[in-house]
Amino acid sequence: MAVDELIQAKMYRLEELKKYQAYYGPNTPYPVIVEINDLEAELQRLTKAEKTRATPPCQKS
């Protein structure tokens, strides 16, 4: 799975969990909150790595 696809899948999962949290409010199960926090941290790490990833050199015509 490419990095972009991985980031997109994790962002989708995070959105779904945040909808769940919005519905349940303060009664949100603890494992859901932990997963949200983990996904947010991992996405920050991945997007930081995405910015520093080497890009292929430009082709001069």
Protein backbone atom coordinates (compact mmCIF):
# COMPACT_ATOMS: atom_id res chain seq x y z
CA MET A 1 0.00 0.00 0.00
CA ALA A 2 1.41 3.36 -1.00
CA VAL A 3 1.97 6.03 1.62
CA ASP A 4 -0.75 8.24 0.14
CA GLU A 5 -3.29 5.41 0.25
CA LEU A 6 -2.30 4.58 3.81
CA ILE A 7 -2.77 8.20 4.90
CA GLN A 8 -6.13 8.37 3.13
CA ALA A 9 -7.35 5.14 4.78
CA LYS A 10 -6.28 6.33 8.23
CA MET A 11 -7.94 9.72 7.71
CA TYR A 12 -11.18 7.98 6.73
CA ARG A 13 -11.03 5.78 9.84
CA LEU A 14 -10.37 8.86 11.99
CA GLU A 15 -13.38 10.66 10.48
CA GLU A 16 -15.62 7.67 11.22
CA LEU A 17 -14.40 7.47 14.82
CA LYS A 18 -14.95 11.21 15.31
CA LYS A 19 -18.55 10.82 14.09
CA TYR A 20 -18.98 8.03 16.63
CA GLN A 21 -17.50 10.25 19.33
CA ALA A 22 -19.76 13.16 18.34
CA TYR A 23 -22.80 10.90 18.65
CA TYR A 24 -21.90 9.42 22.05
CA GLY A 25 -20.28 12.54 23.52
CA PRO A 26 -18.88 12.00 27.02
CA ASN A 27 -20.11 8.37 26.98
CA THR A 28 -17.70 7.41 24.18
CA PRO A 29 -15.97 4.12 25.04
CA TYR A 30 -12.36 4.55 26.12
CA PRO A 31 -10.89 2.28 23.38
CA VAL A 32 -12.42 4.57 20.74
CA ILE A 33 -10.80 7.62 22.33
CA VAL A 34 -7.46 5.82 22.49
CA GLU A 35 -7.71 4.84 18.82
CA ILE A 36 -8.56 8.45 17.86
CA ASN A 37 -5.50 9.72 19.74
CA ASP A 38 -3.28 7.05 18.18
CA LEU A 39 -4.53 7.80 14.67
CA GLU A 40 -4.03 11.54 15.11
CA ALA A 41 -0.45 11.02 16.31
CA GLU A 42 0.31 8.56 13.51
CA LEU A 43 -1.16 10.86 10.86
CA GLN A 44 0.95 13.76 12.12
CA ARG A 45 4.02 11.55 11.93
CA LEU A 46 3.15 10.29 8.44
CA THR A 47 2.38 13.74 7.05
CA LYS A 48 5.65 15.07 8.46
CA ALA A 49 7.45 12.16 6.78
CA GLU A 50 5.50 12.85 3.59
CA LYS A 51 6.86 16.41 3.47
CA THR A 52 10.45 15.26 3.91
CA ARG A 53 10.19 12.36 1.45
CA ALA A 54 12.57 12.60 -1.48
CA THR A 55 10.91 13.47 -4.75
CA PRO A 56 12.16 12.36 -8.15
CA PRO A 57 14.20 14.99 -10.03
CA CYS A 58 12.45 17.09 -12.66
CA GLN A 59 12.81 16.02 -16.26
CA LYS A 60 14.25 18.81 -18.41
CA SER A 61 12.83 18.99 -21.90
